[in-house]
């Protein structure tokens, strides 16, 4: 079995702050398009709420965002479970008080 190496997001241009202070939930944010989107949205000033099933990967993405001056939280969740989806929204509202954008990226 070949293990796929996750590409790194590099070469970001200076931020235009297009998402300054916007609260964005991204499902499936632990790898691939979700991870890249989370990094880009944070780079553009968004407060990102990362969700995914894999805690270690989610925390690693969040750490990379914070190391680059971004803001966010990680919520371990499986979007096929209604109670997990409700928890993502609750933790977002408890932390930031609003939701401006929802990127339903997780494959189901």
C-alpha atoms as a PDB file:
ATOM      1  CA  UNK A   1       0.000   0.000   0.000  1.00  0.00           C
ATOM      2  CA  UNK A   2       1.370   3.397  -0.988  1.00  0.00           C
ATOM      3  CA  UNK A   3       1.003   6.174   1.560  1.00  0.00           C
ATOM      4  CA  UNK A   4       0.008   9.453  -0.043  1.00  0.00           C
ATOM      5  CA  UNK A   5       2.048  12.447   1.125  1.00  0.00           C
ATOM      6  CA  UNK A   6      -0.060  15.468   1.969  1.00  0.00           C
ATOM      7  CA  UNK A   7       1.005  18.496  -0.110  1.00  0.00           C
ATOM      8  CA  UNK A   8       2.051  21.596   1.793  1.00  0.00           C
ATOM      9  CA  UNK A   9       0.424  24.967   1.194  1.00  0.00           C
ATOM     10  CA  UNK A  10       3.246  27.324   0.264  1.00  0.00           C
ATOM     11  CA  UNK A  11       3.835  30.533  -1.629  1.00  0.00           C
ATOM     12  CA  UNK A  12       0.857  32.466  -0.281  1.00  0.00           C
ATOM     13  CA  UNK A  13       0.750  36.051  -1.454  1.00  0.00           C
ATOM     14  CA  UNK A  14       0.415  38.833   1.115  1.00  0.00           C
ATOM     15  CA  UNK A  15      -3.047  38.790   2.641  1.00  0.00           C
ATOM     16  CA  UNK A  16      -5.704  41.134   1.318  1.00  0.00           C
ATOM     17  CA  UNK A  17      -7.714  40.452   4.500  1.00  0.00           C
ATOM     18  CA  UNK A  18     -10.738  39.470   2.406  1.00  0.00           C
ATOM     19  CA  UNK A  19     -12.111  37.431   5.311  1.00  0.00           C
ATOM     20  CA  UNK A  20     -11.024  39.729   8.142  1.00  0.00           C
ATOM     21  CA  UNK A  21     -12.904  38.746  11.304  1.00  0.00           C
ATOM     22  CA  UNK A  22     -15.324  36.455   9.435  1.00  0.00           C
ATOM     23  CA  UNK A  23     -16.111  33.190  11.229  1.00  0.00           C
ATOM     24  CA  UNK A  24     -15.796  30.205   8.908  1.00  0.00           C
ATOM     25  CA  UNK A  25     -16.642  26.559   9.647  1.00  0.00           C
ATOM     26  CA  UNK A  26     -14.809  24.081   7.412  1.00  0.00           C
ATOM     27  CA  UNK A  27     -15.738  20.399   7.554  1.00  0.00           C
ATOM     28  CA  UNK A  28     -13.163  17.868   6.440  1.00  0.00           C
ATOM     29  CA  UNK A  29     -10.416  20.338   7.338  1.00  0.00           C
ATOM     30  CA  UNK A  30      -7.783  17.783   8.313  1.00  0.00           C
ATOM     31  CA  UNK A  31      -6.434  17.098   4.815  1.00  0.00           C
ATOM     32  CA  UNK A  32      -6.636  17.918   1.122  1.00  0.00           C
ATOM     33  CA  UNK A  33      -8.878  20.744  -0.059  1.00  0.00           C
ATOM     34  CA  UNK A  34     -10.290  21.309   3.449  1.00  0.00           C
ATOM     35  CA  UNK A  35      -6.829  21.742   4.943  1.00  0.00           C
ATOM     36  CA  UNK A  36      -5.683  24.048   2.145  1.00  0.00           C
ATOM     37  CA  UNK A  37      -8.882  26.099   2.437  1.00  0.00           C
ATOM     38  CA  UNK A  38      -8.497  26.424   6.205  1.00  0.00           C
ATOM     39  CA  UNK A  39      -4.939  27.687   5.832  1.00  0.00           C
ATOM     40  CA  UNK A  40      -5.932  30.136   3.082  1.00  0.00           C
ATOM     41  CA  UNK A  41      -9.043  31.386   4.906  1.00  0.00           C
ATOM     42  CA  UNK A  42      -6.988  32.007   8.058  1.00  0.00           C
ATOM     43  CA  UNK A  43      -4.298  33.723   5.971  1.00  0.00           C
ATOM     44  CA  UNK A  44      -7.038  36.035   4.672  1.00  0.00           C
ATOM     45  CA  UNK A  45      -8.012  36.994   8.240  1.00  0.00           C
ATOM     46  CA  UNK A  46     -10.818  34.525   8.871  1.00  0.00           C
ATOM     47  CA  UNK A  47     -11.430  32.913  12.244  1.00  0.00           C
ATOM     48  CA  UNK A  48     -11.560  29.276  11.227  1.00  0.00           C
ATOM     49  CA  UNK A  49     -13.415  26.446  12.907  1.00  0.00           C
ATOM     50  CA  UNK A  50     -11.819  23.254  11.664  1.00  0.00           C
ATOM     51  CA  UNK A  51     -13.711  20.005  11.930  1.00  0.00           C
ATOM     52  CA  UNK A  52     -12.756  16.473  11.080  1.00  0.00           C
ATOM     53  CA  UNK A  53     -12.637  12.978  12.482  1.00  0.00           C
ATOM     54  CA  UNK A  54      -8.852  12.781  12.938  1.00  0.00           C
ATOM     55  CA  UNK A  55      -7.867  14.727  16.050  1.00  0.00           C
ATOM     56  CA  UNK A  56      -4.092  14.623  15.543  1.00  0.00           C
ATOM     57  CA  UNK A  57      -4.363  15.925  11.972  1.00  0.00           C
ATOM     58  CA  UNK A  58      -6.859  18.614  12.967  1.00  0.00           C
ATOM     59  CA  UNK A  59      -4.657  19.843  15.775  1.00  0.00           C
ATOM     60  CA  UNK A  60      -1.653  19.880  13.412  1.00  0.00           C
ATOM     61  CA  UNK A  61      -3.533  22.045  10.890  1.00  0.00           C
ATOM     62  CA  UNK A  62      -4.643  24.372  13.685  1.00  0.00           C
ATOM     63  CA  UNK A  63      -1.069  24.611  15.004  1.00  0.00           C
ATOM     64  CA  UNK A  64       0.183  25.568  11.526  1.00  0.00           C
ATOM     65  CA  UNK A  65      -2.496  28.254  11.282  1.00  0.00           C
ATOM     66  CA  UNK A  66      -1.615  29.675  14.699  1.00  0.00           C
ATOM     67  CA  UNK A  67       2.122  29.585  13.948  1.00  0.00           C
ATOM     68  CA  UNK A  68       1.406  31.890  11.024  1.00  0.00           C
ATOM     69  CA  UNK A  69      -0.649  34.334  13.099  1.00  0.00           C
ATOM     70  CA  UNK A  70      -4.092  32.891  12.326  1.00  0.00           C
ATOM     71  CA  UNK A  71      -6.944  32.212  14.698  1.00  0.00           C
ATOM     72  CA  UNK A  72      -9.184  29.201  15.049  1.00  0.00           C
ATOM     73  CA  UNK A  73     -10.381  26.158  16.930  1.00  0.00           C
ATOM     74  CA  UNK A  74     -10.596  22.459  16.108  1.00  0.00           C
ATOM     75  CA  UNK A  75     -13.731  20.406  16.780  1.00  0.00           C
ATOM     76  CA  UNK A  76     -13.365  16.665  16.360  1.00  0.00           C
ATOM     77  CA  UNK A  77     -16.538  15.557  14.610  1.00  0.00           C
ATOM     78  CA  UNK A  78     -18.069  13.103  12.178  1.00  0.00           C
ATOM     79  CA  UNK A  79     -20.541  14.975   9.944  1.00  0.00           C
ATOM     80  CA  UNK A  80     -22.558  11.791   9.394  1.00  0.00           C
ATOM     81  CA  UNK A  81     -23.689  12.123  13.021  1.00  0.00           C
ATOM     82  CA  UNK A  82     -26.282  14.828  13.694  1.00  0.00           C
ATOM     83  CA  UNK A  83     -25.113  15.360  17.289  1.00  0.00           C
ATOM     84  CA  UNK A  84     -21.559  16.060  16.050  1.00  0.00           C
ATOM     85  CA  UNK A  85     -22.871  18.648  13.570  1.00  0.00           C
ATOM     86  CA  UNK A  86     -24.814  20.336  16.357  1.00  0.00           C
ATOM     87  CA  UNK A  87     -21.676  20.350  18.518  1.00  0.00           C
ATOM     88  CA  UNK A  88     -19.653  22.055  15.761  1.00  0.00           C
ATOM     89  CA  UNK A  89     -22.247  24.849  15.619  1.00  0.00           C
ATOM     90  CA  UNK A  90     -22.475  25.101  19.423  1.00  0.00           C
ATOM     91  CA  UNK A  91     -18.710  25.324  19.911  1.00  0.00           C
ATOM     92  CA  UNK A  92     -18.494  27.919  17.140  1.00  0.00           C
ATOM     93  CA  UNK A  93     -21.244  30.030  18.689  1.00  0.00           C
ATOM     94  CA  UNK A  94     -19.772  29.632  22.193  1.00  0.00           C
ATOM     95  CA  UNK A  95     -16.348  30.757  20.945  1.00  0.00           C
ATOM     96  CA  UNK A  96     -17.183  33.426  18.360  1.00  0.00           C
ATOM     97  CA  UNK A  97     -20.884  34.245  18.753  1.00  0.00           C
ATOM     98  CA  UNK A  98     -21.701  33.914  15.058  1.00  0.00           C
ATOM     99  CA  UNK A  99     -21.139  32.018  11.815  1.00  0.00           C
ATOM    100  CA  UNK A 100     -20.458  33.927   8.613  1.00  0.00           C
ATOM    101  CA  UNK A 101     -19.548  31.099   6.263  1.00  0.00           C
ATOM    102  CA  UNK A 102     -19.886  27.316   6.167  1.00  0.00           C
ATOM    103  CA  UNK A 103     -17.744  25.247   3.795  1.00  0.00           C
ATOM    104  CA  UNK A 104     -19.242  21.738   3.707  1.00  0.00           C
ATOM    105  CA  UNK A 105     -16.124  20.047   2.393  1.00  0.00           C
ATOM    106  CA  UNK A 106     -16.289  16.667   4.137  1.00  0.00           C
ATOM    107  CA  UNK A 107     -17.037  13.758   1.850  1.00  0.00           C
ATOM    108  CA  UNK A 108     -19.969  11.661   2.984  1.00  0.00           C
END
